[in-house]
């Protein structure tokens, strides 16, 4: 039988998980072991701070996701917020509430997943807290980053005529979640890739830094709640509208295969799915083509042009056959979606 956290205590657990947390020593004065961490932020840059709280049975199903995958995702969603601001991620702080029935090896895998992703992006895990929980596993991750003020990407800079772009495929994560929640076996490479897209998202930090430094980006956000909902945030804060070209949306062959098999609409999956954690950005029109070419040269991946900012105040979608419809800026809402549909955002 797997051991429990109670068998070794909080400080014994800290000793187990602290190894490998410090991957970059520059700027760190004190790491795990003191009452607080101490580190120096880069001179002349703003400090970015983001945090995300994950609650079992609301945001994830412990039995559906291994500890490693859950650890990766818990950190990835925060790194994605730093990416959306064009920043460089620096340090993470992890706090967990642990129920008595959570095995120790699951917790160790959770931290192994976080350390794995943190090392990949040069992020130090500098502290946090551990406490008991009555029933469910609770995870809170906070991440700090930095960015030069003149390069920081925001949501409120989109203007009519700007080009709308995204940095990766849309809808894959929602398809993977459907497979998990419906207990459908991922019995083909295509379906397995969709489950992986949901469980192990990749934060687009390099893409965010490139967009921040290129000088052409006017606004940005990460796609966590769905393309329509997240673009809606940009439109609301910018006082603008948008037209999305459904035929230009980056939809993977894996998603098309899923939709054919299960009778889903790939465009709807892309618009309302969420948790793809690609970046959505607007670029000034006169520099958009050059920026897209340079983006591909620098990162080896396309910057997908999917629409244009308008002054209508509406979000509209043009279908491949030329029809235009108004889209609802809907996606995940913690207090509406979950209550209305009993859905689980993550697995």
C-alpha atoms as a PDB file:
ATOM      1  CA  UNK A   1       0.000   0.000   0.000  1.00  0.00           C
ATOM      2  CA  UNK A   2       1.340   3.420  -0.925  1.00  0.00           C
ATOM      3  CA  UNK A   3       2.507   5.638   1.921  1.00  0.00           C
ATOM      4  CA  UNK A   4       0.688   8.761   3.051  1.00  0.00           C
ATOM      5  CA  UNK A   5       1.914  12.255   3.729  1.00  0.00           C
ATOM      6  CA  UNK A   6       1.164  11.678   7.417  1.00  0.00           C
ATOM      7  CA  UNK A   7       3.831   8.962   7.491  1.00  0.00           C
ATOM      8  CA  UNK A   8       6.688  11.415   6.884  1.00  0.00           C
ATOM      9  CA  UNK A   9       5.137  14.742   7.908  1.00  0.00           C
ATOM     10  CA  UNK A  10       5.232  18.130   6.210  1.00  0.00           C
ATOM     11  CA  UNK A  11       8.948  18.748   6.690  1.00  0.00           C
ATOM     12  CA  UNK A  12       9.897  15.271   5.569  1.00  0.00           C
ATOM     13  CA  UNK A  13       7.848  15.857   2.437  1.00  0.00           C
ATOM     14  CA  UNK A  14       9.530  19.213   1.822  1.00  0.00           C
ATOM     15  CA  UNK A  15      12.929  17.521   1.993  1.00  0.00           C
ATOM     16  CA  UNK A  16      11.782  14.995  -0.601  1.00  0.00           C
ATOM     17  CA  UNK A  17      10.407  17.451  -3.127  1.00  0.00           C
ATOM     18  CA  UNK A  18      12.913  20.313  -2.803  1.00  0.00           C
ATOM     19  CA  UNK A  19      15.618  18.515  -4.786  1.00  0.00           C
ATOM     20  CA  UNK A  20      15.667  19.828  -8.345  1.00  0.00           C
ATOM     21  CA  UNK A  21      13.538  22.882  -7.596  1.00  0.00           C
ATOM     22  CA  UNK A  22      16.389  25.361  -8.107  1.00  0.00           C
ATOM     23  CA  UNK A  23      17.288  25.178 -11.796  1.00  0.00           C
ATOM     24  CA  UNK A  24      18.672  28.700 -12.243  1.00  0.00           C
ATOM     25  CA  UNK A  25      20.760  30.241  -9.452  1.00  0.00           C
ATOM     26  CA  UNK A  26      21.252  33.722 -10.904  1.00  0.00           C
ATOM     27  CA  UNK A  27      19.381  36.340  -8.910  1.00  0.00           C
ATOM     28  CA  UNK A  28      18.301  33.915  -6.155  1.00  0.00           C
ATOM     29  CA  UNK A  29      19.340  34.995  -2.647  1.00  0.00           C
ATOM     30  CA  UNK A  30      17.307  32.463  -0.612  1.00  0.00           C
ATOM     31  CA  UNK A  31      15.339  29.497  -1.940  1.00  0.00           C
ATOM     32  CA  UNK A  32      13.307  26.823  -0.099  1.00  0.00           C
ATOM     33  CA  UNK A  33      14.321  26.594   3.551  1.00  0.00           C
ATOM     34  CA  UNK A  34      13.692  30.067   4.998  1.00  0.00           C
ATOM     35  CA  UNK A  35      10.483  31.801   5.995  1.00  0.00           C
ATOM     36  CA  UNK A  36      10.360  33.500   2.606  1.00  0.00           C
ATOM     37  CA  UNK A  37      12.189  33.275  -0.689  1.00  0.00           C
ATOM     38  CA  UNK A  38      14.391  36.164  -1.795  1.00  0.00           C
ATOM     39  CA  UNK A  39      15.379  36.881  -5.369  1.00  0.00           C
ATOM     40  CA  UNK A  40      16.415  39.871  -7.461  1.00  0.00           C
ATOM     41  CA  UNK A  41      14.265  40.956 -10.402  1.00  0.00           C
ATOM     42  CA  UNK A  42      16.007  42.048 -13.612  1.00  0.00           C
ATOM     43  CA  UNK A  43      16.891  45.733 -13.563  1.00  0.00           C
ATOM     44  CA  UNK A  44      14.563  47.996 -15.525  1.00  0.00           C
ATOM     45  CA  UNK A  45      11.790  45.412 -15.869  1.00  0.00           C
ATOM     46  CA  UNK A  46       8.303  45.134 -14.399  1.00  0.00           C
ATOM     47  CA  UNK A  47       7.455  42.188 -12.158  1.00  0.00           C
ATOM     48  CA  UNK A  48       4.557  40.017 -13.302  1.00  0.00           C
ATOM     49  CA  UNK A  49       2.602  37.869 -10.819  1.00  0.00           C
ATOM     50  CA  UNK A  50      -0.100  35.325 -11.626  1.00  0.00           C
ATOM     51  CA  UNK A  51      -1.809  32.593  -9.621  1.00  0.00           C
ATOM     52  CA  UNK A  52      -4.210  29.764 -10.349  1.00  0.00           C
ATOM     53  CA  UNK A  53      -6.209  27.581  -7.959  1.00  0.00           C
ATOM     54  CA  UNK A  54      -7.152  24.005  -8.900  1.00  0.00           C
ATOM     55  CA  UNK A  55      -9.716  22.074  -6.871  1.00  0.00           C
ATOM     56  CA  UNK A  56     -10.337  18.359  -7.278  1.00  0.00           C
ATOM     57  CA  UNK A  57     -13.711  17.502  -8.855  1.00  0.00           C
ATOM     58  CA  UNK A  58     -14.059  21.116 -10.027  1.00  0.00           C
ATOM     59  CA  UNK A  59     -10.925  21.518 -12.156  1.00  0.00           C
ATOM     60  CA  UNK A  60      -9.542  17.989 -12.348  1.00  0.00           C
ATOM     61  CA  UNK A  61     -10.346  14.351 -11.670  1.00  0.00           C
ATOM     62  CA  UNK A  62      -7.525  12.791  -9.681  1.00  0.00           C
ATOM     63  CA  UNK A  63      -8.190   9.296 -11.024  1.00  0.00           C
ATOM     64  CA  UNK A  64      -8.251  10.485 -14.643  1.00  0.00           C
ATOM     65  CA  UNK A  65      -4.945  12.339 -14.522  1.00  0.00           C
ATOM     66  CA  UNK A  66      -1.726  10.909 -13.153  1.00  0.00           C
ATOM     67  CA  UNK A  67       0.230  12.998 -10.696  1.00  0.00           C
ATOM     68  CA  UNK A  68       2.910  13.869 -13.251  1.00  0.00           C
ATOM     69  CA  UNK A  69       0.415  15.215 -15.797  1.00  0.00           C
ATOM     70  CA  UNK A  70      -1.461  17.167 -13.138  1.00  0.00           C
ATOM     71  CA  UNK A  71       1.793  18.737 -11.971  1.00  0.00           C
ATOM     72  CA  UNK A  72       2.702  19.763 -15.506  1.00  0.00           C
ATOM     73  CA  UNK A  73      -0.698  21.306 -16.118  1.00  0.00           C
ATOM     74  CA  UNK A  74      -0.890  23.101 -12.763  1.00  0.00           C
ATOM     75  CA  UNK A  75       2.326  24.946 -13.615  1.00  0.00           C
ATOM     76  CA  UNK A  76       1.637  25.284 -17.346  1.00  0.00           C
ATOM     77  CA  UNK A  77      -1.567  27.304 -16.890  1.00  0.00           C
ATOM     78  CA  UNK A  78       0.378  29.897 -14.891  1.00  0.00           C
ATOM     79  CA  UNK A  79       3.309  30.000 -17.299  1.00  0.00           C
ATOM     80  CA  UNK A  80       0.771  30.603 -20.051  1.00  0.00           C
ATOM     81  CA  UNK A  81      -0.409  33.767 -18.266  1.00  0.00           C
ATOM     82  CA  UNK A  82       3.171  35.057 -18.191  1.00  0.00           C
ATOM     83  CA  UNK A  83       3.474  34.210 -21.888  1.00  0.00           C
ATOM     84  CA  UNK A  84       0.311  36.196 -22.659  1.00  0.00           C
ATOM     85  CA  UNK A  85       1.936  39.292 -21.140  1.00  0.00           C
ATOM     86  CA  UNK A  86       5.089  38.767 -23.197  1.00  0.00           C
ATOM     87  CA  UNK A  87       7.115  38.034 -20.074  1.00  0.00           C
ATOM     88  CA  UNK A  88       9.908  35.740 -18.987  1.00  0.00           C
ATOM     89  CA  UNK A  89       8.872  33.359 -16.207  1.00  0.00           C
ATOM     90  CA  UNK A  90      11.172  33.350 -13.187  1.00  0.00           C
ATOM     91  CA  UNK A  91       9.846  31.628 -10.054  1.00  0.00           C
ATOM     92  CA  UNK A  92       6.963  29.426  -8.927  1.00  0.00           C
ATOM     93  CA  UNK A  93       5.373  28.961  -5.503  1.00  0.00           C
ATOM     94  CA  UNK A  94       3.280  25.845  -4.927  1.00  0.00           C
ATOM     95  CA  UNK A  95       0.759  25.345  -2.112  1.00  0.00           C
ATOM     96  CA  UNK A  96      -1.289  22.169  -1.707  1.00  0.00           C
ATOM     97  CA  UNK A  97      -4.095  20.953   0.530  1.00  0.00           C
ATOM     98  CA  UNK A  98      -3.803  17.176   0.812  1.00  0.00           C
ATOM     99  CA  UNK A  99      -6.633  14.781   1.802  1.00  0.00           C
ATOM    100  CA  UNK A 100      -5.762  11.695   3.844  1.00  0.00           C
ATOM    101  CA  UNK A 101      -6.531   9.316   0.966  1.00  0.00           C
ATOM    102  CA  UNK A 102      -3.979  10.885  -1.412  1.00  0.00           C
ATOM    103  CA  UNK A 103      -0.972   8.555  -1.752  1.00  0.00           C
ATOM    104  CA  UNK A 104       2.505   9.933  -1.163  1.00  0.00           C
ATOM    105  CA  UNK A 105       3.750   8.625  -4.503  1.00  0.00           C
ATOM    106  CA  UNK A 106       0.973  10.599  -6.262  1.00  0.00           C
ATOM    107  CA  UNK A 107       2.198  13.798  -4.564  1.00  0.00           C
ATOM    108  CA  UNK A 108       5.797  13.040  -5.493  1.00  0.00           C
ATOM    109  CA  UNK A 109       4.732  12.543  -9.112  1.00  0.00           C
ATOM    110  CA  UNK A 110       2.825  15.833  -8.926  1.00  0.00           C
ATOM    111  CA  UNK A 111       5.988  17.694  -7.973  1.00  0.00           C
ATOM    112  CA  UNK A 112       8.066  15.720 -10.473  1.00  0.00           C
ATOM    113  CA  UNK A 113       5.761  16.995 -13.230  1.00  0.00           C
ATOM    114  CA  UNK A 114       6.113  20.575 -12.021  1.00  0.00           C
ATOM    115  CA  UNK A 115       9.905  20.291 -11.734  1.00  0.00           C
ATOM    116  CA  UNK A 116      10.067  18.825 -15.237  1.00  0.00           C
ATOM    117  CA  UNK A 117       8.221  21.744 -16.835  1.00  0.00           C
ATOM    118  CA  UNK A 118       9.973  24.294 -14.625  1.00  0.00           C
ATOM    119  CA  UNK A 119      13.395  23.016 -15.693  1.00  0.00           C
ATOM    120  CA  UNK A 120      12.346  23.156 -19.358  1.00  0.00           C
ATOM    121  CA  UNK A 121      11.618  26.885 -19.023  1.00  0.00           C
ATOM    122  CA  UNK A 122      14.299  27.879 -16.514  1.00  0.00           C
ATOM    123  CA  UNK A 123      11.801  28.480 -13.710  1.00  0.00           C
ATOM    124  CA  UNK A 124      12.773  28.038 -10.049  1.00  0.00           C
ATOM    125  CA  UNK A 125      10.306  26.567  -7.566  1.00  0.00           C
ATOM    126  CA  UNK A 126      11.119  28.688  -4.527  1.00  0.00           C
ATOM    127  CA  UNK A 127       8.522  27.752  -1.949  1.00  0.00           C
ATOM    128  CA  UNK A 128       4.876  27.361  -1.048  1.00  0.00           C
ATOM    129  CA  UNK A 129       2.882  25.654   1.677  1.00  0.00           C
ATOM    130  CA  UNK A 130       1.458  22.246   2.536  1.00  0.00           C
ATOM    131  CA  UNK A 131      -1.632  21.649   4.648  1.00  0.00           C
ATOM    132  CA  UNK A 132      -4.337  19.060   5.216  1.00  0.00           C
ATOM    133  CA  UNK A 133      -7.636  18.997   3.325  1.00  0.00           C
ATOM    134  CA  UNK A 134     -10.800  17.295   4.547  1.00  0.00           C
ATOM    135  CA  UNK A 135     -11.867  15.697   1.276  1.00  0.00           C
ATOM    136  CA  UNK A 136     -10.255  16.954  -1.959  1.00  0.00           C
ATOM    137  CA  UNK A 137      -6.805  17.721  -3.282  1.00  0.00           C
ATOM    138  CA  UNK A 138      -6.325  21.482  -3.699  1.00  0.00           C
ATOM    139  CA  UNK A 139      -3.403  22.985  -5.619  1.00  0.00           C
ATOM    140  CA  UNK A 140      -2.477  26.650  -5.831  1.00  0.00           C
ATOM    141  CA  UNK A 141       0.435  27.772  -7.985  1.00  0.00           C
ATOM    142  CA  UNK A 142       1.740  31.325  -8.182  1.00  0.00           C
ATOM    143  CA  UNK A 143       4.343  32.345 -10.757  1.00  0.00           C
ATOM    144  CA  UNK A 144       6.406  35.500 -11.043  1.00  0.00           C
ATOM    145  CA  UNK A 145       7.938  36.835 -14.228  1.00  0.00           C
ATOM    146  CA  UNK A 146       9.344  40.004 -15.689  1.00  0.00           C
ATOM    147  CA  UNK A 147       8.995  42.124 -18.801  1.00  0.00           C
ATOM    148  CA  UNK A 148      10.145  45.510 -20.005  1.00  0.00           C
ATOM    149  CA  UNK A 149       7.288  47.988 -19.633  1.00  0.00           C
ATOM    150  CA  UNK A 150       7.429  49.104 -23.268  1.00  0.00           C
ATOM    151  CA  UNK A 151       7.135  45.475 -24.430  1.00  0.00           C
ATOM    152  CA  UNK A 152       4.384  44.264 -22.087  1.00  0.00           C
ATOM    153  CA  UNK A 153       1.407  42.793 -23.933  1.00  0.00           C
ATOM    154  CA  UNK A 154      -2.058  43.784 -22.696  1.00  0.00           C
ATOM    155  CA  UNK A 155      -5.660  43.125 -23.627  1.00  0.00           C
ATOM    156  CA  UNK A 156      -6.769  46.694 -24.308  1.00  0.00           C
ATOM    157  CA  UNK A 157      -4.689  47.709 -27.315  1.00  0.00           C
ATOM    158  CA  UNK A 158      -6.609  46.187 -30.238  1.00  0.00           C
ATOM    159  CA  UNK A 159      -7.839  48.682 -32.845  1.00  0.00           C
ATOM    160  CA  UNK A 160     -10.032  48.352 -35.979  1.00  0.00           C
ATOM    161  CA  UNK A 161      -7.954  47.060 -38.862  1.00  0.00           C
ATOM    162  CA  UNK A 162      -5.597  45.023 -36.672  1.00  0.00           C
ATOM    163  CA  UNK A 163      -5.009  41.445 -37.768  1.00  0.00           C
ATOM    164  CA  UNK A 164      -5.948  38.628 -35.372  1.00  0.00           C
ATOM    165  CA  UNK A 165      -3.451  35.773 -35.069  1.00  0.00           C
ATOM    166  CA  UNK A 166      -2.954  32.695 -32.919  1.00  0.00           C
ATOM    167  CA  UNK A 167       0.145  30.639 -32.217  1.00  0.00           C
ATOM    168  CA  UNK A 168      -1.188  27.069 -32.428  1.00  0.00           C
ATOM    169  CA  UNK A 169      -4.048  24.635 -32.947  1.00  0.00           C
ATOM    170  CA  UNK A 170      -7.462  25.216 -31.396  1.00  0.00           C
ATOM    171  CA  UNK A 171      -9.994  22.703 -30.076  1.00  0.00           C
ATOM    172  CA  UNK A 172      -7.660  19.755 -29.393  1.00  0.00           C
ATOM    173  CA  UNK A 173      -7.855  20.100 -25.613  1.00  0.00           C
ATOM    174  CA  UNK A 174     -11.664  20.180 -25.595  1.00  0.00           C
ATOM    175  CA  UNK A 175     -11.747  17.001 -27.658  1.00  0.00           C
ATOM    176  CA  UNK A 176      -9.323  15.333 -25.265  1.00  0.00           C
ATOM    177  CA  UNK A 177     -11.476  16.349 -22.295  1.00  0.00           C
ATOM    178  CA  UNK A 178     -14.550  14.874 -23.980  1.00  0.00           C
ATOM    179  CA  UNK A 179     -12.785  11.534 -24.333  1.00  0.00           C
ATOM    180  CA  UNK A 180     -11.798  11.557 -20.664  1.00  0.00           C
ATOM    181  CA  UNK A 181     -15.170  12.588 -19.273  1.00  0.00           C
ATOM    182  CA  UNK A 182     -17.065  10.112 -21.436  1.00  0.00           C
ATOM    183  CA  UNK A 183     -14.612   7.287 -20.616  1.00  0.00           C
ATOM    184  CA  UNK A 184     -13.933   6.754 -24.320  1.00  0.00           C
ATOM    185  CA  UNK A 185     -10.737   4.751 -24.916  1.00  0.00           C
ATOM    186  CA  UNK A 186      -8.060   6.691 -26.808  1.00  0.00           C
ATOM    187  CA  UNK A 187      -7.610   3.672 -29.063  1.00  0.00           C
ATOM    188  CA  UNK A 188      -5.929   5.418 -31.990  1.00  0.00           C
ATOM    189  CA  UNK A 189      -2.831   7.635 -32.223  1.00  0.00           C
ATOM    190  CA  UNK A 190      -5.111  10.531 -33.190  1.00  0.00           C
ATOM    191  CA  UNK A 191      -7.293  10.227 -30.098  1.00  0.00           C
ATOM    192  CA  UNK A 192      -4.267   9.652 -27.856  1.00  0.00           C
ATOM    193  CA  UNK A 193      -2.767  12.903 -29.156  1.00  0.00           C
ATOM    194  CA  UNK A 194      -5.949  14.781 -28.217  1.00  0.00           C
ATOM    195  CA  UNK A 195      -5.884  13.411 -24.662  1.00  0.00           C
ATOM    196  CA  UNK A 196      -2.228  14.420 -24.424  1.00  0.00           C
ATOM    197  CA  UNK A 197      -3.096  17.922 -25.656  1.00  0.00           C
ATOM    198  CA  UNK A 198      -5.520  18.253 -22.751  1.00  0.00           C
ATOM    199  CA  UNK A 199      -3.382  16.706 -20.030  1.00  0.00           C
ATOM    200  CA  UNK A 200       0.016  18.109 -21.035  1.00  0.00           C
ATOM    201  CA  UNK A 201      -0.443  21.604 -22.515  1.00  0.00           C
ATOM    202  CA  UNK A 202       2.593  23.531 -23.712  1.00  0.00           C
ATOM    203  CA  UNK A 203       2.866  27.132 -22.480  1.00  0.00           C
ATOM    204  CA  UNK A 204       3.829  29.379 -25.406  1.00  0.00           C
ATOM    205  CA  UNK A 205       6.494  31.384 -23.566  1.00  0.00           C
ATOM    206  CA  UNK A 206       8.875  31.678 -26.511  1.00  0.00           C
ATOM    207  CA  UNK A 207       6.033  32.821 -28.743  1.00  0.00           C
ATOM    208  CA  UNK A 208       4.932  35.405 -26.190  1.00  0.00           C
ATOM    209  CA  UNK A 209       8.418  36.823 -25.833  1.00  0.00           C
ATOM    210  CA  UNK A 210       8.788  37.037 -29.609  1.00  0.00           C
ATOM    211  CA  UNK A 211       5.472  38.847 -30.013  1.00  0.00           C
ATOM    212  CA  UNK A 212       6.363  41.266 -27.218  1.00  0.00           C
ATOM    213  CA  UNK A 213       9.706  42.125 -28.776  1.00  0.00           C
ATOM    214  CA  UNK A 214       8.598  42.330 -32.429  1.00  0.00           C
ATOM    215  CA  UNK A 215       6.921  45.724 -32.032  1.00  0.00           C
ATOM    216  CA  UNK A 216       3.864  44.784 -34.101  1.00  0.00           C
ATOM    217  CA  UNK A 217       1.591  43.266 -31.436  1.00  0.00           C
ATOM    218  CA  UNK A 218      -1.147  45.513 -30.061  1.00  0.00           C
ATOM    219  CA  UNK A 219      -2.921  43.086 -27.681  1.00  0.00           C
ATOM    220  CA  UNK A 220      -2.681  39.483 -26.505  1.00  0.00           C
ATOM    221  CA  UNK A 221      -4.296  36.846 -24.300  1.00  0.00           C
ATOM    222  CA  UNK A 222      -3.901  33.106 -23.805  1.00  0.00           C
ATOM    223  CA  UNK A 223      -6.701  30.786 -24.883  1.00  0.00           C
ATOM    224  CA  UNK A 224      -7.807  29.253 -21.602  1.00  0.00           C
ATOM    225  CA  UNK A 225     -11.599  29.705 -21.687  1.00  0.00           C
ATOM    226  CA  UNK A 226     -12.115  29.286 -25.446  1.00  0.00           C
ATOM    227  CA  UNK A 227     -11.311  31.376 -28.517  1.00  0.00           C
ATOM    228  CA  UNK A 228     -14.655  33.214 -28.518  1.00  0.00           C
ATOM    229  CA  UNK A 229     -14.571  33.983 -24.785  1.00  0.00           C
ATOM    230  CA  UNK A 230     -10.918  35.036 -24.695  1.00  0.00           C
ATOM    231  CA  UNK A 231     -11.147  37.142 -27.841  1.00  0.00           C
ATOM    232  CA  UNK A 232     -14.248  38.615 -26.209  1.00  0.00           C
ATOM    233  CA  UNK A 233     -12.062  39.822 -23.320  1.00  0.00           C
ATOM    234  CA  UNK A 234      -9.822  41.667 -25.782  1.00  0.00           C
ATOM    235  CA  UNK A 235     -12.821  43.168 -27.554  1.00  0.00           C
ATOM    236  CA  UNK A 236     -14.454  44.315 -24.336  1.00  0.00           C
ATOM    237  CA  UNK A 237     -11.354  45.997 -22.928  1.00  0.00           C
ATOM    238  CA  UNK A 238     -10.392  47.465 -26.317  1.00  0.00           C
ATOM    239  CA  UNK A 239     -13.904  48.661 -27.180  1.00  0.00           C
ATOM    240  CA  UNK A 240     -13.844  46.838 -30.502  1.00  0.00           C
ATOM    241  CA  UNK A 241     -15.424  44.066 -32.545  1.00  0.00           C
ATOM    242  CA  UNK A 242     -13.963  41.274 -34.670  1.00  0.00           C
ATOM    243  CA  UNK A 243     -14.560  39.040 -37.655  1.00  0.00           C
ATOM    244  CA  UNK A 244     -13.154  35.504 -37.506  1.00  0.00           C
ATOM    245  CA  UNK A 245     -12.552  33.513 -40.700  1.00  0.00           C
ATOM    246  CA  UNK A 246     -13.661  29.990 -39.755  1.00  0.00           C
ATOM    247  CA  UNK A 247     -11.814  28.558 -42.747  1.00  0.00           C
ATOM    248  CA  UNK A 248      -8.521  29.976 -41.452  1.00  0.00           C
ATOM    249  CA  UNK A 249      -8.734  28.492 -37.951  1.00  0.00           C
ATOM    250  CA  UNK A 250      -5.814  26.133 -37.256  1.00  0.00           C
ATOM    251  CA  UNK A 251      -7.587  22.806 -36.732  1.00  0.00           C
ATOM    252  CA  UNK A 252      -5.512  19.651 -36.452  1.00  0.00           C
ATOM    253  CA  UNK A 253      -6.155  16.493 -38.439  1.00  0.00           C
ATOM    254  CA  UNK A 254      -6.574  14.793 -35.070  1.00  0.00           C
ATOM    255  CA  UNK A 255      -9.487  17.113 -34.275  1.00  0.00           C
ATOM    256  CA  UNK A 256     -11.074  16.545 -37.681  1.00  0.00           C
ATOM    257  CA  UNK A 257     -10.785  12.789 -37.147  1.00  0.00           C
ATOM    258  CA  UNK A 258     -12.437  13.123 -33.721  1.00  0.00           C
ATOM    259  CA  UNK A 259     -15.296  15.263 -35.079  1.00  0.00           C
ATOM    260  CA  UNK A 260     -16.014  12.850 -37.926  1.00  0.00           C
ATOM    261  CA  UNK A 261     -16.082   9.941 -35.509  1.00  0.00           C
ATOM    262  CA  UNK A 262     -18.241  11.543 -32.811  1.00  0.00           C
ATOM    263  CA  UNK A 263     -20.416  13.925 -34.815  1.00  0.00           C
ATOM    264  CA  UNK A 264     -18.927  17.190 -33.558  1.00  0.00           C
ATOM    265  CA  UNK A 265     -18.346  20.513 -35.318  1.00  0.00           C
ATOM    266  CA  UNK A 266     -14.609  21.341 -35.372  1.00  0.00           C
ATOM    267  CA  UNK A 267     -15.245  25.082 -35.663  1.00  0.00           C
ATOM    268  CA  UNK A 268     -17.489  25.016 -32.593  1.00  0.00           C
ATOM    269  CA  UNK A 269     -14.845  23.007 -30.716  1.00  0.00           C
ATOM    270  CA  UNK A 270     -12.286  25.675 -31.599  1.00  0.00           C
ATOM    271  CA  UNK A 271     -14.517  28.611 -30.681  1.00  0.00           C
ATOM    272  CA  UNK A 272     -15.817  27.367 -27.345  1.00  0.00           C
ATOM    273  CA  UNK A 273     -13.458  24.612 -26.240  1.00  0.00           C
ATOM    274  CA  UNK A 274     -10.830  26.256 -24.073  1.00  0.00           C
ATOM    275  CA  UNK A 275      -7.618  25.111 -22.402  1.00  0.00           C
ATOM    276  CA  UNK A 276      -5.546  25.060 -25.581  1.00  0.00           C
ATOM    277  CA  UNK A 277      -3.158  27.612 -23.997  1.00  0.00           C
ATOM    278  CA  UNK A 278      -2.020  28.976 -27.342  1.00  0.00           C
ATOM    279  CA  UNK A 279      -1.691  32.738 -27.595  1.00  0.00           C
ATOM    280  CA  UNK A 280      -4.193  34.988 -29.334  1.00  0.00           C
ATOM    281  CA  UNK A 281      -2.698  38.278 -30.495  1.00  0.00           C
ATOM    282  CA  UNK A 282      -3.625  41.291 -32.582  1.00  0.00           C
ATOM    283  CA  UNK A 283      -1.041  42.875 -34.880  1.00  0.00           C
ATOM    284  CA  UNK A 284      -1.088  46.232 -36.641  1.00  0.00           C
ATOM    285  CA  UNK A 285      -2.118  45.514 -40.223  1.00  0.00           C
ATOM    286  CA  UNK A 286       0.814  47.159 -41.970  1.00  0.00           C
ATOM    287  CA  UNK A 287       3.325  44.949 -40.165  1.00  0.00           C
ATOM    288  CA  UNK A 288       1.362  41.726 -39.834  1.00  0.00           C
ATOM    289  CA  UNK A 289       2.634  39.921 -42.944  1.00  0.00           C
ATOM    290  CA  UNK A 290       6.262  40.741 -42.186  1.00  0.00           C
ATOM    291  CA  UNK A 291       5.766  39.689 -38.550  1.00  0.00           C
ATOM    292  CA  UNK A 292       4.240  36.358 -39.582  1.00  0.00           C
ATOM    293  CA  UNK A 293       7.200  35.654 -41.897  1.00  0.00           C
ATOM    294  CA  UNK A 294       9.710  36.550 -39.204  1.00  0.00           C
ATOM    295  CA  UNK A 295       7.816  34.509 -36.613  1.00  0.00           C
ATOM    296  CA  UNK A 296       8.107  31.381 -38.776  1.00  0.00           C
ATOM    297  CA  UNK A 297      11.788  32.008 -39.418  1.00  0.00           C
ATOM    298  CA  UNK A 298      12.535  32.538 -35.735  1.00  0.00           C
ATOM    299  CA  UNK A 299      10.425  29.770 -34.184  1.00  0.00           C
ATOM    300  CA  UNK A 300       9.916  27.292 -37.001  1.00  0.00           C
ATOM    301  CA  UNK A 301       6.133  27.425 -36.595  1.00  0.00           C
ATOM    302  CA  UNK A 302       3.399  29.442 -38.322  1.00  0.00           C
ATOM    303  CA  UNK A 303       1.626  32.433 -36.863  1.00  0.00           C
ATOM    304  CA  UNK A 304      -1.939  31.761 -38.004  1.00  0.00           C
ATOM    305  CA  UNK A 305      -3.942  34.744 -39.296  1.00  0.00           C
ATOM    306  CA  UNK A 306      -7.573  34.064 -38.374  1.00  0.00           C
ATOM    307  CA  UNK A 307      -9.410  37.377 -38.605  1.00  0.00           C
ATOM    308  CA  UNK A 308      -9.540  41.134 -38.202  1.00  0.00           C
ATOM    309  CA  UNK A 309     -10.513  43.639 -35.525  1.00  0.00           C
ATOM    310  CA  UNK A 310     -13.509  45.805 -36.456  1.00  0.00           C
ATOM    311  CA  UNK A 311     -15.353  48.759 -34.951  1.00  0.00           C
ATOM    312  CA  UNK A 312     -18.737  47.031 -34.746  1.00  0.00           C
ATOM    313  CA  UNK A 313     -18.503  45.895 -31.147  1.00  0.00           C
ATOM    314  CA  UNK A 314     -19.671  42.425 -32.253  1.00  0.00           C
ATOM    315  CA  UNK A 315     -17.836  39.128 -32.622  1.00  0.00           C
ATOM    316  CA  UNK A 316     -18.757  37.637 -35.992  1.00  0.00           C
ATOM    317  CA  UNK A 317     -17.712  34.430 -37.722  1.00  0.00           C
ATOM    318  CA  UNK A 318     -17.562  33.973 -41.497  1.00  0.00           C
ATOM    319  CA  UNK A 319     -18.097  30.328 -42.456  1.00  0.00           C
ATOM    320  CA  UNK A 320     -16.221  28.704 -45.376  1.00  0.00           C
ATOM    321  CA  UNK A 321     -19.328  29.085 -47.577  1.00  0.00           C
ATOM    322  CA  UNK A 322     -19.362  32.848 -46.979  1.00  0.00           C
ATOM    323  CA  UNK A 323     -22.166  33.079 -44.438  1.00  0.00           C
ATOM    324  CA  UNK A 324     -21.672  35.496 -41.560  1.00  0.00           C
ATOM    325  CA  UNK A 325     -23.089  34.920 -38.087  1.00  0.00           C
ATOM    326  CA  UNK A 326     -22.738  36.630 -34.748  1.00  0.00           C
ATOM    327  CA  UNK A 327     -20.859  34.477 -32.258  1.00  0.00           C
ATOM    328  CA  UNK A 328     -21.505  34.341 -28.546  1.00  0.00           C
ATOM    329  CA  UNK A 329     -18.402  35.016 -26.486  1.00  0.00           C
ATOM    330  CA  UNK A 330     -18.910  31.883 -24.469  1.00  0.00           C
ATOM    331  CA  UNK A 331     -16.441  29.583 -22.831  1.00  0.00           C
ATOM    332  CA  UNK A 332     -15.695  28.310 -19.369  1.00  0.00           C
ATOM    333  CA  UNK A 333     -17.114  30.249 -16.434  1.00  0.00           C
ATOM    334  CA  UNK A 334     -16.401  28.820 -12.984  1.00  0.00           C
ATOM    335  CA  UNK A 335     -19.721  29.952 -11.496  1.00  0.00           C
ATOM    336  CA  UNK A 336     -21.971  29.458 -14.542  1.00  0.00           C
ATOM    337  CA  UNK A 337     -20.602  26.595 -16.644  1.00  0.00           C
ATOM    338  CA  UNK A 338     -19.919  24.266 -13.765  1.00  0.00           C
ATOM    339  CA  UNK A 339     -23.223  24.942 -12.055  1.00  0.00           C
ATOM    340  CA  UNK A 340     -25.271  24.692 -15.210  1.00  0.00           C
ATOM    341  CA  UNK A 341     -23.629  21.713 -16.843  1.00  0.00           C
ATOM    342  CA  UNK A 342     -21.826  19.792 -14.128  1.00  0.00           C
ATOM    343  CA  UNK A 343     -18.725  19.841 -16.302  1.00  0.00           C
ATOM    344  CA  UNK A 344     -15.144  19.442 -15.111  1.00  0.00           C
ATOM    345  CA  UNK A 345     -12.711  21.849 -16.625  1.00  0.00           C
ATOM    346  CA  UNK A 346      -9.609  19.709 -16.398  1.00  0.00           C
ATOM    347  CA  UNK A 347      -8.877  16.053 -15.869  1.00  0.00           C
END
